[in-house]
């Protein structure tokens, strides 16, 4: 098919009988379209597909909203986006797997390399995305996103390492939250095990040999930071803070959609 670009319909373009020319061809053409009449300010940033604080990162380029490929997307980049959107940057979370959809918009940039101190994404080094139709299906599942929070949304706490269960159907179940750095924060489900659940129940004051783990924010999403990730308990610890763990702050994809919870029957 050969079009000049001015046609109003594909039927006006020159078309060859490709089935006759190449009967074994299985390639199917596609296109990505932008809304006509869309206006935005160059390098403005917005979050789409989620909420006002969580979503797919979209950047205005040449009067069109575009998406960002998640290659190289990390905590520093997420900090800049959250700061640019008016949120508390220290609790930013980088998302790399199209958690909020692909948006059906073209990718304009990838490989952002922010230091984390910039006030706007346009100040960061980045690469202009070179379209490659063979890779579009892969990139559709790898749009960059962020999860942001306001510091005043978090509840303060005073006993470091203490554990509580929040927003469950009873006092014996809920989202696992740990006091760290003066704030209650959730725990990322990355690497979570039954032994972790056993210790979480014990930490919250409940003895059980049959803890049940709930995933993907079963008891709702936390409002503060994600305090812990990669918790690895042996099962005999008195508290989660006695188990090896990593700080959840800055861990890619550890956002409140992955908050872990437990039931302590």
C-alpha atoms as a PDB file:
ATOM      1  CA  UNK A   1       0.000   0.000   0.000  1.00  0.00           C
ATOM      2  CA  UNK A   2       1.322   3.434  -0.963  1.00  0.00           C
ATOM      3  CA  UNK A   3      -0.259   6.639   0.399  1.00  0.00           C
ATOM      4  CA  UNK A   4       0.809  10.255  -0.050  1.00  0.00           C
ATOM      5  CA  UNK A   5      -0.566  11.160   3.388  1.00  0.00           C
ATOM      6  CA  UNK A   6      -3.249  13.538   2.171  1.00  0.00           C
ATOM      7  CA  UNK A   7      -5.887  10.884   1.523  1.00  0.00           C
ATOM      8  CA  UNK A   8      -9.007  10.770   3.687  1.00  0.00           C
ATOM      9  CA  UNK A   9      -9.290   6.995   3.456  1.00  0.00           C
ATOM     10  CA  UNK A  10      -6.984   4.029   2.882  1.00  0.00           C
ATOM     11  CA  UNK A  11      -9.182   3.062  -0.038  1.00  0.00           C
ATOM     12  CA  UNK A  12      -7.803   6.114  -1.870  1.00  0.00           C
ATOM     13  CA  UNK A  13      -4.222   4.800  -1.657  1.00  0.00           C
ATOM     14  CA  UNK A  14      -2.510   2.609  -4.219  1.00  0.00           C
ATOM     15  CA  UNK A  15      -2.941  -0.998  -3.202  1.00  0.00           C
ATOM     16  CA  UNK A  16      -1.205  -4.108  -4.536  1.00  0.00           C
ATOM     17  CA  UNK A  17      -2.525  -7.638  -4.264  1.00  0.00           C
ATOM     18  CA  UNK A  18       0.027  -8.644  -1.661  1.00  0.00           C
ATOM     19  CA  UNK A  19      -1.396 -12.130  -1.248  1.00  0.00           C
ATOM     20  CA  UNK A  20      -0.379 -12.775  -4.838  1.00  0.00           C
ATOM     21  CA  UNK A  21       3.013 -11.083  -4.482  1.00  0.00           C
ATOM     22  CA  UNK A  22       3.922 -12.799  -1.222  1.00  0.00           C
ATOM     23  CA  UNK A  23       1.461 -15.495  -0.166  1.00  0.00           C
ATOM     24  CA  UNK A  24       3.549 -16.541   2.882  1.00  0.00           C
ATOM     25  CA  UNK A  25       3.664 -13.092   4.539  1.00  0.00           C
ATOM     26  CA  UNK A  26       2.113 -13.036   8.027  1.00  0.00           C
ATOM     27  CA  UNK A  27       3.009  -9.453   9.030  1.00  0.00           C
ATOM     28  CA  UNK A  28       0.073  -7.270  10.044  1.00  0.00           C
ATOM     29  CA  UNK A  29       0.285  -3.482   9.915  1.00  0.00           C
ATOM     30  CA  UNK A  30      -0.842  -1.283  12.781  1.00  0.00           C
ATOM     31  CA  UNK A  31      -0.914   2.375  13.790  1.00  0.00           C
ATOM     32  CA  UNK A  32      -1.020   4.468  16.949  1.00  0.00           C
ATOM     33  CA  UNK A  33      -3.107   7.656  16.813  1.00  0.00           C
ATOM     34  CA  UNK A  34      -3.243  10.768  18.991  1.00  0.00           C
ATOM     35  CA  UNK A  35      -6.338  12.836  19.639  1.00  0.00           C
ATOM     36  CA  UNK A  36      -6.811  15.798  17.357  1.00  0.00           C
ATOM     37  CA  UNK A  37      -7.114  19.110  19.152  1.00  0.00           C
ATOM     38  CA  UNK A  38      -5.036  17.984  22.150  1.00  0.00           C
ATOM     39  CA  UNK A  39      -3.131  20.840  23.737  1.00  0.00           C
ATOM     40  CA  UNK A  40      -0.521  20.692  26.475  1.00  0.00           C
ATOM     41  CA  UNK A  41       2.515  22.652  27.596  1.00  0.00           C
ATOM     42  CA  UNK A  42       5.903  21.333  26.487  1.00  0.00           C
ATOM     43  CA  UNK A  43       7.476  19.029  29.116  1.00  0.00           C
ATOM     44  CA  UNK A  44       4.429  19.067  31.377  1.00  0.00           C
ATOM     45  CA  UNK A  45       4.077  15.759  33.240  1.00  0.00           C
ATOM     46  CA  UNK A  46       0.888  13.990  34.294  1.00  0.00           C
ATOM     47  CA  UNK A  47      -0.053  10.644  35.890  1.00  0.00           C
ATOM     48  CA  UNK A  48      -2.658   8.564  34.088  1.00  0.00           C
ATOM     49  CA  UNK A  49      -4.510   5.297  34.570  1.00  0.00           C
ATOM     50  CA  UNK A  50      -4.421   5.348  38.367  1.00  0.00           C
ATOM     51  CA  UNK A  51      -5.121   8.196  40.778  1.00  0.00           C
ATOM     52  CA  UNK A  52      -3.849  11.707  41.376  1.00  0.00           C
ATOM     53  CA  UNK A  53      -0.781  10.236  43.089  1.00  0.00           C
ATOM     54  CA  UNK A  54      -0.188   6.964  41.206  1.00  0.00           C
ATOM     55  CA  UNK A  55      -0.090   6.310  37.497  1.00  0.00           C
ATOM     56  CA  UNK A  56       1.577   5.977  34.150  1.00  0.00           C
ATOM     57  CA  UNK A  57       3.993   8.830  33.458  1.00  0.00           C
ATOM     58  CA  UNK A  58       2.980  10.907  30.443  1.00  0.00           C
ATOM     59  CA  UNK A  59       5.076  13.789  29.122  1.00  0.00           C
ATOM     60  CA  UNK A  60       3.930  16.561  26.762  1.00  0.00           C
ATOM     61  CA  UNK A  61       6.083  16.701  23.646  1.00  0.00           C
ATOM     62  CA  UNK A  62       5.234  18.868  20.615  1.00  0.00           C
ATOM     63  CA  UNK A  63       1.692  19.416  21.868  1.00  0.00           C
ATOM     64  CA  UNK A  64       1.010  15.694  22.313  1.00  0.00           C
ATOM     65  CA  UNK A  65       0.912  13.540  25.437  1.00  0.00           C
ATOM     66  CA  UNK A  66       3.470  10.725  25.155  1.00  0.00           C
ATOM     67  CA  UNK A  67       4.604   7.847  27.349  1.00  0.00           C
ATOM     68  CA  UNK A  68       8.026   6.835  28.676  1.00  0.00           C
ATOM     69  CA  UNK A  69       9.710   3.478  28.145  1.00  0.00           C
ATOM     70  CA  UNK A  70      10.800   2.020  31.479  1.00  0.00           C
ATOM     71  CA  UNK A  71      14.345   1.177  30.338  1.00  0.00           C
ATOM     72  CA  UNK A  72      16.600   2.629  33.043  1.00  0.00           C
ATOM     73  CA  UNK A  73      13.628   4.002  35.004  1.00  0.00           C
ATOM     74  CA  UNK A  74      14.479   4.101  38.720  1.00  0.00           C
ATOM     75  CA  UNK A  75      13.996   5.774  42.095  1.00  0.00           C
ATOM     76  CA  UNK A  76      15.842   8.960  41.110  1.00  0.00           C
ATOM     77  CA  UNK A  77      13.583   9.448  38.086  1.00  0.00           C
ATOM     78  CA  UNK A  78      10.474   8.769  40.163  1.00  0.00           C
ATOM     79  CA  UNK A  79      11.622  11.294  42.772  1.00  0.00           C
ATOM     80  CA  UNK A  80      11.780  14.016  40.129  1.00  0.00           C
ATOM     81  CA  UNK A  81       8.312  13.214  38.765  1.00  0.00           C
ATOM     82  CA  UNK A  82       6.759  13.160  42.242  1.00  0.00           C
ATOM     83  CA  UNK A  83       8.495  16.417  43.127  1.00  0.00           C
ATOM     84  CA  UNK A  84       7.306  17.979  39.873  1.00  0.00           C
ATOM     85  CA  UNK A  85       3.739  16.896  40.710  1.00  0.00           C
ATOM     86  CA  UNK A  86       3.947  18.411  44.196  1.00  0.00           C
ATOM     87  CA  UNK A  87       4.404  15.246  46.284  1.00  0.00           C
ATOM     88  CA  UNK A  88       6.939  14.252  48.942  1.00  0.00           C
ATOM     89  CA  UNK A  89       9.816  13.012  46.811  1.00  0.00           C
ATOM     90  CA  UNK A  90      11.558  10.759  49.371  1.00  0.00           C
ATOM     91  CA  UNK A  91       8.700   8.236  49.265  1.00  0.00           C
ATOM     92  CA  UNK A  92       8.539   8.028  45.475  1.00  0.00           C
ATOM     93  CA  UNK A  93       8.335   4.561  43.912  1.00  0.00           C
ATOM     94  CA  UNK A  94       9.449   3.765  40.362  1.00  0.00           C
ATOM     95  CA  UNK A  95       7.159   1.411  38.417  1.00  0.00           C
ATOM     96  CA  UNK A  96       8.429  -0.391  35.329  1.00  0.00           C
ATOM     97  CA  UNK A  97       5.835  -2.922  34.156  1.00  0.00           C
ATOM     98  CA  UNK A  98       2.884  -0.887  32.835  1.00  0.00           C
ATOM     99  CA  UNK A  99       0.990  -1.347  36.120  1.00  0.00           C
ATOM    100  CA  UNK A 100      -1.348   1.418  34.934  1.00  0.00           C
ATOM    101  CA  UNK A 101      -1.632   0.315  31.304  1.00  0.00           C
ATOM    102  CA  UNK A 102       0.191   1.352  28.158  1.00  0.00           C
ATOM    103  CA  UNK A 103      -2.080   4.298  27.379  1.00  0.00           C
ATOM    104  CA  UNK A 104      -2.063   3.593  23.631  1.00  0.00           C
ATOM    105  CA  UNK A 105       0.258   6.549  23.157  1.00  0.00           C
ATOM    106  CA  UNK A 106       3.579   6.709  21.406  1.00  0.00           C
ATOM    107  CA  UNK A 107       6.776   6.483  23.416  1.00  0.00           C
ATOM    108  CA  UNK A 108       8.867   9.650  23.154  1.00  0.00           C
ATOM    109  CA  UNK A 109      11.726   8.944  25.570  1.00  0.00           C
ATOM    110  CA  UNK A 110      13.584   6.215  27.400  1.00  0.00           C
ATOM    111  CA  UNK A 111      16.625   5.781  29.611  1.00  0.00           C
ATOM    112  CA  UNK A 112      16.095   8.837  31.814  1.00  0.00           C
ATOM    113  CA  UNK A 113      19.113   9.382  34.053  1.00  0.00           C
ATOM    114  CA  UNK A 114      18.079  11.780  36.780  1.00  0.00           C
ATOM    115  CA  UNK A 115      20.300  12.399  39.779  1.00  0.00           C
ATOM    116  CA  UNK A 116      17.180  12.797  41.920  1.00  0.00           C
ATOM    117  CA  UNK A 117      17.766  16.464  42.734  1.00  0.00           C
ATOM    118  CA  UNK A 118      16.227  17.965  39.580  1.00  0.00           C
ATOM    119  CA  UNK A 119      13.022  19.960  39.848  1.00  0.00           C
ATOM    120  CA  UNK A 120      11.636  18.791  36.494  1.00  0.00           C
ATOM    121  CA  UNK A 121      12.029  15.762  34.240  1.00  0.00           C
ATOM    122  CA  UNK A 122      13.244  17.874  31.329  1.00  0.00           C
ATOM    123  CA  UNK A 123      16.442  18.624  33.276  1.00  0.00           C
ATOM    124  CA  UNK A 124      17.441  14.950  33.265  1.00  0.00           C
ATOM    125  CA  UNK A 125      19.604  13.282  30.641  1.00  0.00           C
ATOM    126  CA  UNK A 126      17.513  10.959  28.465  1.00  0.00           C
ATOM    127  CA  UNK A 127      17.334   9.270  25.086  1.00  0.00           C
ATOM    128  CA  UNK A 128      14.831  10.078  22.366  1.00  0.00           C
ATOM    129  CA  UNK A 129      12.954   6.881  21.678  1.00  0.00           C
ATOM    130  CA  UNK A 130      13.621   5.424  18.237  1.00  0.00           C
ATOM    131  CA  UNK A 131      10.481   3.680  17.005  1.00  0.00           C
ATOM    132  CA  UNK A 132      10.919  -0.008  16.329  1.00  0.00           C
ATOM    133  CA  UNK A 133       7.731  -1.772  15.352  1.00  0.00           C
ATOM    134  CA  UNK A 134       9.274  -5.165  16.131  1.00  0.00           C
ATOM    135  CA  UNK A 135       9.586  -4.100  19.780  1.00  0.00           C
ATOM    136  CA  UNK A 136       6.274  -2.283  20.257  1.00  0.00           C
ATOM    137  CA  UNK A 137       4.554  -5.278  21.864  1.00  0.00           C
ATOM    138  CA  UNK A 138       7.395  -5.529  24.401  1.00  0.00           C
ATOM    139  CA  UNK A 139       7.324  -1.823  25.166  1.00  0.00           C
ATOM    140  CA  UNK A 140       3.550  -1.957  25.663  1.00  0.00           C
ATOM    141  CA  UNK A 141       4.239  -3.901  28.858  1.00  0.00           C
ATOM    142  CA  UNK A 142       7.073  -1.638  29.960  1.00  0.00           C
ATOM    143  CA  UNK A 143       5.675   1.870  30.317  1.00  0.00           C
ATOM    144  CA  UNK A 144       7.190   3.851  33.191  1.00  0.00           C
ATOM    145  CA  UNK A 145       5.018   4.850  36.113  1.00  0.00           C
ATOM    146  CA  UNK A 146       5.313   6.266  39.610  1.00  0.00           C
ATOM    147  CA  UNK A 147       3.626   6.067  42.975  1.00  0.00           C
ATOM    148  CA  UNK A 148       3.800   9.256  45.056  1.00  0.00           C
ATOM    149  CA  UNK A 149       2.655  10.218  48.552  1.00  0.00           C
ATOM    150  CA  UNK A 150       2.287  13.335  50.679  1.00  0.00           C
ATOM    151  CA  UNK A 151       4.165  13.248  53.973  1.00  0.00           C
ATOM    152  CA  UNK A 152       1.113  14.532  55.843  1.00  0.00           C
ATOM    153  CA  UNK A 153      -0.855  11.479  54.648  1.00  0.00           C
ATOM    154  CA  UNK A 154       1.252   9.205  56.840  1.00  0.00           C
ATOM    155  CA  UNK A 155       0.512   8.435  60.481  1.00  0.00           C
ATOM    156  CA  UNK A 156       3.345   9.014  62.926  1.00  0.00           C
ATOM    157  CA  UNK A 157       4.497   6.400  65.440  1.00  0.00           C
ATOM    158  CA  UNK A 158       6.866   6.314  68.403  1.00  0.00           C
ATOM    159  CA  UNK A 159       7.921   2.695  69.020  1.00  0.00           C
ATOM    160  CA  UNK A 160      10.420   1.730  66.329  1.00  0.00           C
ATOM    161  CA  UNK A 161       9.921  -1.785  64.998  1.00  0.00           C
ATOM    162  CA  UNK A 162       6.400  -2.195  66.339  1.00  0.00           C
ATOM    163  CA  UNK A 163       3.907  -3.975  64.068  1.00  0.00           C
ATOM    164  CA  UNK A 164       0.179  -3.527  63.554  1.00  0.00           C
ATOM    165  CA  UNK A 165      -2.502  -4.968  61.268  1.00  0.00           C
ATOM    166  CA  UNK A 166      -4.685  -2.393  59.522  1.00  0.00           C
ATOM    167  CA  UNK A 167      -8.024  -2.342  57.699  1.00  0.00           C
ATOM    168  CA  UNK A 168      -8.840  -6.027  58.117  1.00  0.00           C
ATOM    169  CA  UNK A 169     -12.243  -7.595  58.734  1.00  0.00           C
ATOM    170  CA  UNK A 170     -11.179  -8.244  62.350  1.00  0.00           C
ATOM    171  CA  UNK A 171      -8.335  -7.314  64.689  1.00  0.00           C
ATOM    172  CA  UNK A 172      -6.565 -10.554  63.743  1.00  0.00           C
ATOM    173  CA  UNK A 173      -6.055  -9.670  60.104  1.00  0.00           C
ATOM    174  CA  UNK A 174      -5.083  -6.768  57.893  1.00  0.00           C
ATOM    175  CA  UNK A 175      -2.334  -4.947  56.056  1.00  0.00           C
ATOM    176  CA  UNK A 176       1.025  -5.378  57.801  1.00  0.00           C
ATOM    177  CA  UNK A 177       2.461  -2.036  58.910  1.00  0.00           C
ATOM    178  CA  UNK A 178       5.764  -1.439  60.683  1.00  0.00           C
ATOM    179  CA  UNK A 179       6.933   1.651  62.569  1.00  0.00           C
ATOM    180  CA  UNK A 180      10.159   2.970  61.070  1.00  0.00           C
ATOM    181  CA  UNK A 181      11.640   6.434  60.996  1.00  0.00           C
ATOM    182  CA  UNK A 182       8.713   7.771  62.987  1.00  0.00           C
ATOM    183  CA  UNK A 183       6.056   6.721  60.450  1.00  0.00           C
ATOM    184  CA  UNK A 184       3.808   3.729  60.031  1.00  0.00           C
ATOM    185  CA  UNK A 185       4.553   2.118  56.688  1.00  0.00           C
ATOM    186  CA  UNK A 186       3.523  -0.983  54.792  1.00  0.00           C
ATOM    187  CA  UNK A 187       5.603  -3.990  53.705  1.00  0.00           C
ATOM    188  CA  UNK A 188       6.266  -4.949  50.082  1.00  0.00           C
ATOM    189  CA  UNK A 189       5.235  -8.495  49.172  1.00  0.00           C
ATOM    190  CA  UNK A 190       8.488  -9.141  47.282  1.00  0.00           C
ATOM    191  CA  UNK A 191      10.018 -12.319  48.704  1.00  0.00           C
ATOM    192  CA  UNK A 192       7.307 -12.661  51.352  1.00  0.00           C
ATOM    193  CA  UNK A 193       6.887 -16.162  52.818  1.00  0.00           C
ATOM    194  CA  UNK A 194       4.697 -18.102  55.249  1.00  0.00           C
ATOM    195  CA  UNK A 195       7.451 -17.794  57.877  1.00  0.00           C
ATOM    196  CA  UNK A 196       7.275 -14.013  57.527  1.00  0.00           C
ATOM    197  CA  UNK A 197       3.506 -14.179  58.106  1.00  0.00           C
ATOM    198  CA  UNK A 198       4.078 -16.306  61.214  1.00  0.00           C
ATOM    199  CA  UNK A 199       6.413 -13.680  62.674  1.00  0.00           C
ATOM    200  CA  UNK A 200       4.126 -10.816  61.594  1.00  0.00           C
ATOM    201  CA  UNK A 201       1.235 -12.376  63.534  1.00  0.00           C
ATOM    202  CA  UNK A 202       3.484 -12.883  66.564  1.00  0.00           C
ATOM    203  CA  UNK A 203       4.704  -9.277  66.306  1.00  0.00           C
ATOM    204  CA  UNK A 204       1.119  -8.034  66.290  1.00  0.00           C
ATOM    205  CA  UNK A 205       0.328 -10.056  69.434  1.00  0.00           C
ATOM    206  CA  UNK A 206      -1.378 -13.094  67.917  1.00  0.00           C
ATOM    207  CA  UNK A 207      -0.199 -16.687  68.333  1.00  0.00           C
ATOM    208  CA  UNK A 208      -1.032 -18.973  65.435  1.00  0.00           C
ATOM    209  CA  UNK A 209       0.523 -21.881  63.578  1.00  0.00           C
ATOM    210  CA  UNK A 210      -1.601 -21.325  60.475  1.00  0.00           C
ATOM    211  CA  UNK A 211      -1.020 -17.770  59.276  1.00  0.00           C
ATOM    212  CA  UNK A 212      -2.546 -16.829  55.946  1.00  0.00           C
ATOM    213  CA  UNK A 213      -0.766 -14.395  53.642  1.00  0.00           C
ATOM    214  CA  UNK A 214      -2.807 -11.900  51.629  1.00  0.00           C
ATOM    215  CA  UNK A 215      -1.254 -10.162  48.643  1.00  0.00           C
ATOM    216  CA  UNK A 216      -1.787  -7.190  46.329  1.00  0.00           C
ATOM    217  CA  UNK A 217      -3.244  -4.825  48.915  1.00  0.00           C
ATOM    218  CA  UNK A 218      -6.015  -7.272  49.914  1.00  0.00           C
ATOM    219  CA  UNK A 219      -6.698  -5.103  52.977  1.00  0.00           C
ATOM    220  CA  UNK A 220      -6.371  -1.836  51.104  1.00  0.00           C
ATOM    221  CA  UNK A 221      -3.416   0.385  50.302  1.00  0.00           C
ATOM    222  CA  UNK A 222      -1.265   2.150  52.850  1.00  0.00           C
ATOM    223  CA  UNK A 223      -0.975   5.926  52.905  1.00  0.00           C
ATOM    224  CA  UNK A 224       2.571   6.340  54.160  1.00  0.00           C
ATOM    225  CA  UNK A 225       5.886   4.930  52.956  1.00  0.00           C
ATOM    226  CA  UNK A 226       6.642   1.314  52.078  1.00  0.00           C
ATOM    227  CA  UNK A 227       8.992   0.682  54.985  1.00  0.00           C
ATOM    228  CA  UNK A 228      10.206  -2.880  54.389  1.00  0.00           C
ATOM    229  CA  UNK A 229      11.021  -5.146  51.444  1.00  0.00           C
ATOM    230  CA  UNK A 230      12.713  -8.523  50.982  1.00  0.00           C
ATOM    231  CA  UNK A 231      11.868  -9.654  54.519  1.00  0.00           C
ATOM    232  CA  UNK A 232      13.364 -13.090  55.215  1.00  0.00           C
ATOM    233  CA  UNK A 233      12.377 -14.586  58.572  1.00  0.00           C
ATOM    234  CA  UNK A 234      13.336 -18.005  59.942  1.00  0.00           C
ATOM    235  CA  UNK A 235      10.041 -18.192  61.820  1.00  0.00           C
ATOM    236  CA  UNK A 236      11.341 -18.096  65.397  1.00  0.00           C
ATOM    237  CA  UNK A 237      11.869 -14.330  65.618  1.00  0.00           C
ATOM    238  CA  UNK A 238       9.872 -12.300  68.122  1.00  0.00           C
ATOM    239  CA  UNK A 239       9.366  -9.410  65.722  1.00  0.00           C
ATOM    240  CA  UNK A 240       9.683  -8.599  62.029  1.00  0.00           C
ATOM    241  CA  UNK A 241      12.419  -6.132  62.909  1.00  0.00           C
ATOM    242  CA  UNK A 242      14.545  -9.104  64.052  1.00  0.00           C
ATOM    243  CA  UNK A 243      14.442 -10.607  60.540  1.00  0.00           C
ATOM    244  CA  UNK A 244      16.790  -9.661  57.697  1.00  0.00           C
ATOM    245  CA  UNK A 245      15.129  -7.072  55.465  1.00  0.00           C
ATOM    246  CA  UNK A 246      15.817  -4.180  53.147  1.00  0.00           C
ATOM    247  CA  UNK A 247      14.341  -0.719  53.302  1.00  0.00           C
ATOM    248  CA  UNK A 248      11.290  -0.573  51.062  1.00  0.00           C
ATOM    249  CA  UNK A 249      11.980   3.051  50.186  1.00  0.00           C
ATOM    250  CA  UNK A 250      13.482   3.293  46.734  1.00  0.00           C
ATOM    251  CA  UNK A 251      12.775  -0.327  45.730  1.00  0.00           C
ATOM    252  CA  UNK A 252      11.424  -0.435  42.170  1.00  0.00           C
ATOM    253  CA  UNK A 253       7.820  -1.701  41.894  1.00  0.00           C
ATOM    254  CA  UNK A 254       7.346  -1.829  45.690  1.00  0.00           C
ATOM    255  CA  UNK A 255       4.306   0.427  45.721  1.00  0.00           C
ATOM    256  CA  UNK A 256       1.073   0.200  47.710  1.00  0.00           C
ATOM    257  CA  UNK A 257      -0.496  -2.063  45.109  1.00  0.00           C
ATOM    258  CA  UNK A 258       1.919  -4.700  46.436  1.00  0.00           C
ATOM    259  CA  UNK A 259       1.274  -4.193  50.149  1.00  0.00           C
ATOM    260  CA  UNK A 260       1.315  -7.501  52.017  1.00  0.00           C
ATOM    261  CA  UNK A 261      -1.227  -8.542  54.620  1.00  0.00           C
ATOM    262  CA  UNK A 262      -1.838 -11.462  56.969  1.00  0.00           C
ATOM    263  CA  UNK A 263      -4.643 -13.313  58.692  1.00  0.00           C
ATOM    264  CA  UNK A 264      -3.879 -14.773  62.115  1.00  0.00           C
ATOM    265  CA  UNK A 265      -6.617 -17.364  62.858  1.00  0.00           C
END
